[in-house]
Amino acid sequence: MHSNYPWPEILIEILRLPAGEGLPLPQYATQGAAGMDVVSAEDLSLAPGARHAVSTGFALAIPEGYEVQVRPRSGLALKHGISAPNAPGTIDSDYRGELKIILINHGDAPFEVKRGERIAQLVPAPVQRAQLAEVETLDETVRGSGGFGSTGR
């Protein structure tokens, strides 16, 4: 590949769309970064409580057996209450449309998204498929059917 990263990398093809002209492609900010920063390809005002699928100006061809997870940026979440309501979002390996980042404003003031501003992170991840086997009973565990908050007692 193109970096000096010491662990194996996968190749993800990226197609710049007209909306992405002049914008940086997703990239890692540091050697140890798990996610690639992705920028907005549009300007918009996100009102408190509002959601919007923000254009990125590109599409991906993710290899079979992988997904790309979309995660919020911690700085935007802390400073402005901006998050991704479905975090982590999943981009499947067979999707070829424009990547859009769903943002929500949990803050108390409108948030101005500027073209070229970092809005999320992309994290490639392997996918483990499963087969389901319907059974009459499940094995017993210490926790059993204890649900929300049951392990904190």
Protein backbone atom coordinates (compact mmCIF):
# COMPACT_ATOMS: atom_id res chain seq x y z
CA MET A 1 0.00 0.00 0.00
CA HIS A 2 0.96 3.65 0.22
CA SER A 3 1.82 4.12 3.90
CA ASN A 4 4.41 2.96 6.38
CA TYR A 5 1.74 1.60 8.73
CA PRO A 6 3.13 -1.62 10.27
CA TRP A 7 -0.12 -3.65 10.13
CA PRO A 8 -1.95 -5.08 7.12
CA GLU A 9 -4.13 -2.69 5.16
CA ILE A 10 -7.05 -3.25 2.81
CA LEU A 11 -7.49 -1.34 -0.44
CA ILE A 12 -10.71 0.66 -0.71
CA GLU A 13 -11.38 2.27 -4.06
CA ILE A 14 -12.81 5.80 -3.87
CA LEU A 15 -14.66 7.70 -6.60
CA ARG A 16 -14.72 11.48 -6.33
CA LEU A 17 -18.11 12.83 -7.37
CA PRO A 18 -18.74 16.34 -8.75
CA ALA A 19 -19.77 17.58 -5.26
CA GLY A 20 -16.36 16.51 -3.95
CA GLU A 21 -14.22 18.50 -6.38
CA GLY A 22 -11.45 20.34 -4.57
CA LEU A 23 -12.03 18.58 -1.24
CA PRO A 24 -9.52 16.35 0.56
CA LEU A 25 -10.25 12.64 0.45
CA PRO A 26 -10.73 10.89 3.81
CA GLN A 27 -7.40 10.60 5.58
CA TYR A 28 -5.82 9.61 8.88
CA ALA A 29 -4.76 12.62 10.95
CA THR A 30 -2.01 10.74 12.83
CA GLN A 31 -0.07 7.46 12.58
CA GLY A 32 -2.10 5.98 15.45
CA ALA A 33 -5.54 7.18 14.31
CA ALA A 34 -8.14 4.42 13.96
CA GLY A 35 -10.47 6.53 11.84
CA MET A 36 -10.07 8.58 8.70
CA ASP A 37 -11.47 12.10 8.91
CA VAL A 38 -14.16 12.82 6.33
CA VAL A 39 -15.29 16.32 5.36
CA SER A 40 -18.59 17.86 4.34
CA ALA A 41 -19.20 18.62 0.67
CA GLU A 42 -21.91 21.14 1.48
CA ASP A 43 -22.72 24.15 3.64
CA LEU A 44 -25.76 23.93 5.88
CA SER A 45 -27.22 25.12 9.14
CA LEU A 46 -28.28 22.31 11.49
CA ALA A 47 -30.94 23.56 13.92
CA PRO A 48 -31.15 22.14 17.45
CA GLY A 49 -32.84 18.72 17.26
CA ALA A 50 -32.50 18.58 13.45
CA ARG A 51 -30.94 15.76 11.41
CA HIS A 52 -29.42 15.89 7.93
CA ALA A 53 -27.68 13.45 5.58
CA VAL A 54 -24.57 15.48 4.74
CA SER A 55 -22.97 15.02 1.33
CA THR A 56 -19.31 13.94 1.24
CA GLY A 57 -18.78 14.09 -2.53
CA PHE A 58 -17.48 10.54 -2.94
CA ALA A 59 -18.45 6.88 -3.22
CA LEU A 60 -16.54 3.78 -2.09
CA ALA A 61 -15.94 0.22 -3.31
CA ILE A 62 -15.33 -1.67 -0.04
CA PRO A 63 -13.91 -5.20 -0.43
CA GLU A 64 -16.18 -8.15 0.38
CA GLY A 65 -15.78 -9.24 3.97
CA TYR A 66 -15.41 -5.65 5.21
CA GLU A 67 -17.57 -2.69 6.13
CA VAL A 68 -16.73 0.93 6.84
CA GLN A 69 -18.13 2.24 10.11
CA VAL A 70 -19.14 5.90 10.37
CA ARG A 71 -18.46 7.43 13.78
CA PRO A 72 -19.00 10.90 15.21
CA ARG A 73 -16.09 13.22 15.92
CA SER A 74 -15.58 13.58 19.67
CA GLY A 75 -14.69 17.28 19.42
CA LEU A 76 -17.95 18.15 17.66
CA ALA A 77 -19.91 16.07 20.17
CA LEU A 78 -18.30 17.70 23.21
CA LYS A 79 -18.20 21.30 21.99
CA HIS A 80 -21.45 21.49 20.00
CA GLY A 81 -23.57 18.38 20.69
CA ILE A 82 -23.17 17.19 17.07
CA SER A 83 -23.33 13.42 16.64
CA ALA A 84 -24.36 10.64 14.27
CA PRO A 85 -27.71 9.26 15.47
CA ASN A 86 -27.05 5.76 14.12
CA ALA A 87 -23.44 5.55 15.37
CA PRO A 88 -21.67 3.57 14.35
CA GLY A 89 -23.28 3.66 10.94
CA THR A 90 -22.39 0.91 8.50
CA ILE A 91 -21.43 1.24 4.86
CA ASP A 92 -21.84 -2.22 3.31
CA SER A 93 -19.40 -3.67 0.79
CA ASP A 94 -22.04 -3.77 -1.96
CA TYR A 95 -23.12 -0.10 -1.66
CA ARG A 96 -21.85 2.15 -4.46
CA GLY A 97 -23.80 5.37 -3.93
CA GLU A 98 -22.54 8.63 -2.48
CA LEU A 99 -21.50 8.35 1.14
CA LYS A 100 -23.64 10.64 3.26
CA ILE A 101 -23.07 11.26 6.95
CA ILE A 102 -26.21 11.54 9.07
CA LEU A 103 -25.63 14.29 11.63
CA ILE A 104 -27.91 15.34 14.50
CA ASN A 105 -27.68 18.49 16.58
CA HIS A 106 -28.18 17.62 20.27
CA GLY A 107 -26.99 21.12 21.22
CA ASP A 108 -29.04 24.17 22.10
CA ALA A 109 -27.87 26.40 19.22
CA PRO A 110 -27.83 26.06 15.42
CA PHE A 111 -24.60 24.52 14.12
CA GLU A 112 -23.09 25.73 10.88
CA VAL A 113 -21.59 22.89 8.81
CA LYS A 114 -19.07 24.32 6.38
CA ARG A 115 -17.91 22.69 3.15
CA GLY A 116 -14.49 21.13 3.80
CA GLU A 117 -15.05 20.85 7.57
CA ARG A 118 -14.34 17.49 9.23
CA ILE A 119 -17.69 15.99 10.25
CA ALA A 120 -17.08 12.30 11.02
CA GLN A 121 -14.60 9.43 11.03
CA LEU A 122 -14.53 6.33 8.84
CA VAL A 123 -13.23 3.07 10.34
CA PRO A 124 -12.78 0.01 8.08
CA ALA A 125 -13.65 -3.22 9.89
CA PRO A 126 -13.89 -6.93 9.07
CA VAL A 127 -17.39 -8.41 8.99
CA GLN A 128 -18.23 -11.72 10.67
CA ARG A 129 -21.33 -13.31 9.15
CA ALA A 130 -23.46 -15.69 11.22
CA GLN A 131 -25.93 -18.51 10.69
CA LEU A 132 -28.85 -18.70 13.10
CA ALA A 133 -29.96 -22.06 14.52
CA GLU A 134 -33.44 -22.05 16.05
CA VAL A 135 -33.54 -24.12 19.28
CA GLU A 136 -36.07 -25.03 22.00
CA THR A 137 -33.89 -23.77 24.91
CA LEU A 138 -30.68 -21.83 25.49
CA ASP A 139 -27.80 -22.79 27.77
CA GLU A 140 -27.75 -21.37 31.32
CA THR A 141 -25.37 -18.56 32.34
CA VAL A 142 -24.72 -16.70 35.59
CA ARG A 143 -26.39 -13.58 34.21
CA GLY A 144 -29.32 -15.44 32.69
CA SER A 145 -32.01 -13.11 31.33
CA GLY A 146 -30.97 -10.08 33.41
CA GLY A 147 -31.33 -7.03 31.19
CA PHE A 148 -30.57 -3.33 31.31
CA GLY A 149 -28.60 -2.44 34.44
CA SER A 150 -28.72 -5.95 35.83
CA THR A 151 -24.92 -6.32 36.11
CA GLY A 152 -24.45 -3.11 38.10
CA ARG A 153 -26.08 -4.35 41.32
